[in-house]
Amino acid sequence: MTRNALLKGLRPTPPGEILREDVLPALHKSRTEIAELLGVSRPTLYDVLNEKRPITPNWLSV
């Protein structure tokens, strides 16, 4: 398998960063509204967005 030299040393982008920087601004909703729509608590959503909590297959059931 050949690795791309441009990617060497780069860390994977955390899902929380993608949500915070790209997804949420495009939705034009508050973080509180997003938490309600996802069925998670606001602190849980904030922890994900601040990369303090990972997203797992069952993170919405937490």
C-alpha atoms as a PDB file:
ATOM      1  CA  MET A   1       0.000   0.000   0.000  1.00  0.00           C
ATOM      2  CA  THR A   2       1.432   3.367  -1.014  1.00  0.00           C
ATOM      3  CA  ARG A   3       0.954   6.247   1.399  1.00  0.00           C
ATOM      4  CA  ASN A   4       0.412   9.783   0.239  1.00  0.00           C
ATOM      5  CA  ALA A   5       3.478  11.822   1.204  1.00  0.00           C
ATOM      6  CA  LEU A   6       1.315  14.947   1.605  1.00  0.00           C
ATOM      7  CA  LEU A   7      -0.652  13.277   4.385  1.00  0.00           C
ATOM      8  CA  LYS A   8       2.377  12.101   6.340  1.00  0.00           C
ATOM      9  CA  GLY A   9       2.338  13.529   9.842  1.00  0.00           C
ATOM     10  CA  LEU A  10      -1.207  14.899   9.633  1.00  0.00           C
ATOM     11  CA  ARG A  11      -3.633  13.879  12.358  1.00  0.00           C
ATOM     12  CA  PRO A  12      -7.138  12.682  11.489  1.00  0.00           C
ATOM     13  CA  THR A  13      -9.766  15.405  11.824  1.00  0.00           C
ATOM     14  CA  PRO A  14     -11.927  14.747  14.902  1.00  0.00           C
ATOM     15  CA  PRO A  15     -15.663  14.419  14.206  1.00  0.00           C
ATOM     16  CA  GLY A  16     -16.384  17.165  16.739  1.00  0.00           C
ATOM     17  CA  GLU A  17     -14.241  19.592  14.759  1.00  0.00           C
ATOM     18  CA  ILE A  18     -16.085  18.786  11.533  1.00  0.00           C
ATOM     19  CA  LEU A  19     -19.436  19.260  13.246  1.00  0.00           C
ATOM     20  CA  ARG A  20     -18.325  22.507  14.910  1.00  0.00           C
ATOM     21  CA  GLU A  21     -16.630  24.079  11.896  1.00  0.00           C
ATOM     22  CA  ASP A  22     -18.672  22.828   8.932  1.00  0.00           C
ATOM     23  CA  VAL A  23     -21.966  21.168   9.804  1.00  0.00           C
ATOM     24  CA  LEU A  24     -23.478  23.362  12.541  1.00  0.00           C
ATOM     25  CA  PRO A  25     -22.853  26.704  10.802  1.00  0.00           C
ATOM     26  CA  ALA A  26     -24.555  25.348   7.672  1.00  0.00           C
ATOM     27  CA  LEU A  27     -27.657  24.370   9.651  1.00  0.00           C
ATOM     28  CA  HIS A  28     -28.290  27.903  10.968  1.00  0.00           C
ATOM     29  CA  LYS A  29     -29.610  26.537  14.264  1.00  0.00           C
ATOM     30  CA  SER A  30     -28.409  27.060  17.805  1.00  0.00           C
ATOM     31  CA  ARG A  31     -26.446  24.370  19.563  1.00  0.00           C
ATOM     32  CA  THR A  32     -29.343  23.961  21.966  1.00  0.00           C
ATOM     33  CA  GLU A  33     -31.711  23.296  19.055  1.00  0.00           C
ATOM     34  CA  ILE A  34     -29.270  20.801  17.549  1.00  0.00           C
ATOM     35  CA  ALA A  35     -28.969  18.943  20.870  1.00  0.00           C
ATOM     36  CA  GLU A  36     -32.758  18.735  21.097  1.00  0.00           C
ATOM     37  CA  LEU A  37     -33.052  17.504  17.508  1.00  0.00           C
ATOM     38  CA  LEU A  38     -30.426  14.817  18.170  1.00  0.00           C
ATOM     39  CA  GLY A  39     -32.034  13.827  21.459  1.00  0.00           C
ATOM     40  CA  VAL A  40     -28.890  14.440  23.517  1.00  0.00           C
ATOM     41  CA  SER A  41     -28.239  16.796  26.361  1.00  0.00           C
ATOM     42  CA  ARG A  42     -26.630  20.130  25.627  1.00  0.00           C
ATOM     43  CA  PRO A  43     -23.560  19.245  27.746  1.00  0.00           C
ATOM     44  CA  THR A  44     -23.129  16.024  25.746  1.00  0.00           C
ATOM     45  CA  LEU A  45     -23.215  17.915  22.461  1.00  0.00           C
ATOM     46  CA  TYR A  46     -20.801  20.534  23.806  1.00  0.00           C
ATOM     47  CA  ASP A  47     -18.395  17.791  24.938  1.00  0.00           C
ATOM     48  CA  VAL A  48     -18.435  16.291  21.430  1.00  0.00           C
ATOM     49  CA  LEU A  49     -17.932  19.679  19.782  1.00  0.00           C
ATOM     50  CA  ASN A  50     -15.050  20.491  22.147  1.00  0.00           C
ATOM     51  CA  GLU A  51     -13.471  17.081  21.446  1.00  0.00           C
ATOM     52  CA  LYS A  52     -13.835  15.958  25.063  1.00  0.00           C
ATOM     53  CA  ARG A  53     -16.169  13.085  24.203  1.00  0.00           C
ATOM     54  CA  PRO A  54     -15.813  10.711  21.268  1.00  0.00           C
ATOM     55  CA  ILE A  55     -18.600   9.864  18.887  1.00  0.00           C
ATOM     56  CA  THR A  56     -19.328   6.169  19.073  1.00  0.00           C
ATOM     57  CA  PRO A  57     -21.980   4.090  17.302  1.00  0.00           C
ATOM     58  CA  ASN A  58     -24.258   4.507  20.317  1.00  0.00           C
ATOM     59  CA  TRP A  59     -23.351   8.072  21.424  1.00  0.00           C
ATOM     60  CA  LEU A  60     -26.900   9.241  20.786  1.00  0.00           C
ATOM     61  CA  SER A  61     -28.199   6.751  23.327  1.00  0.00           C
ATOM     62  CA  VAL A  62     -26.038   8.206  26.109  1.00  0.00           C
END
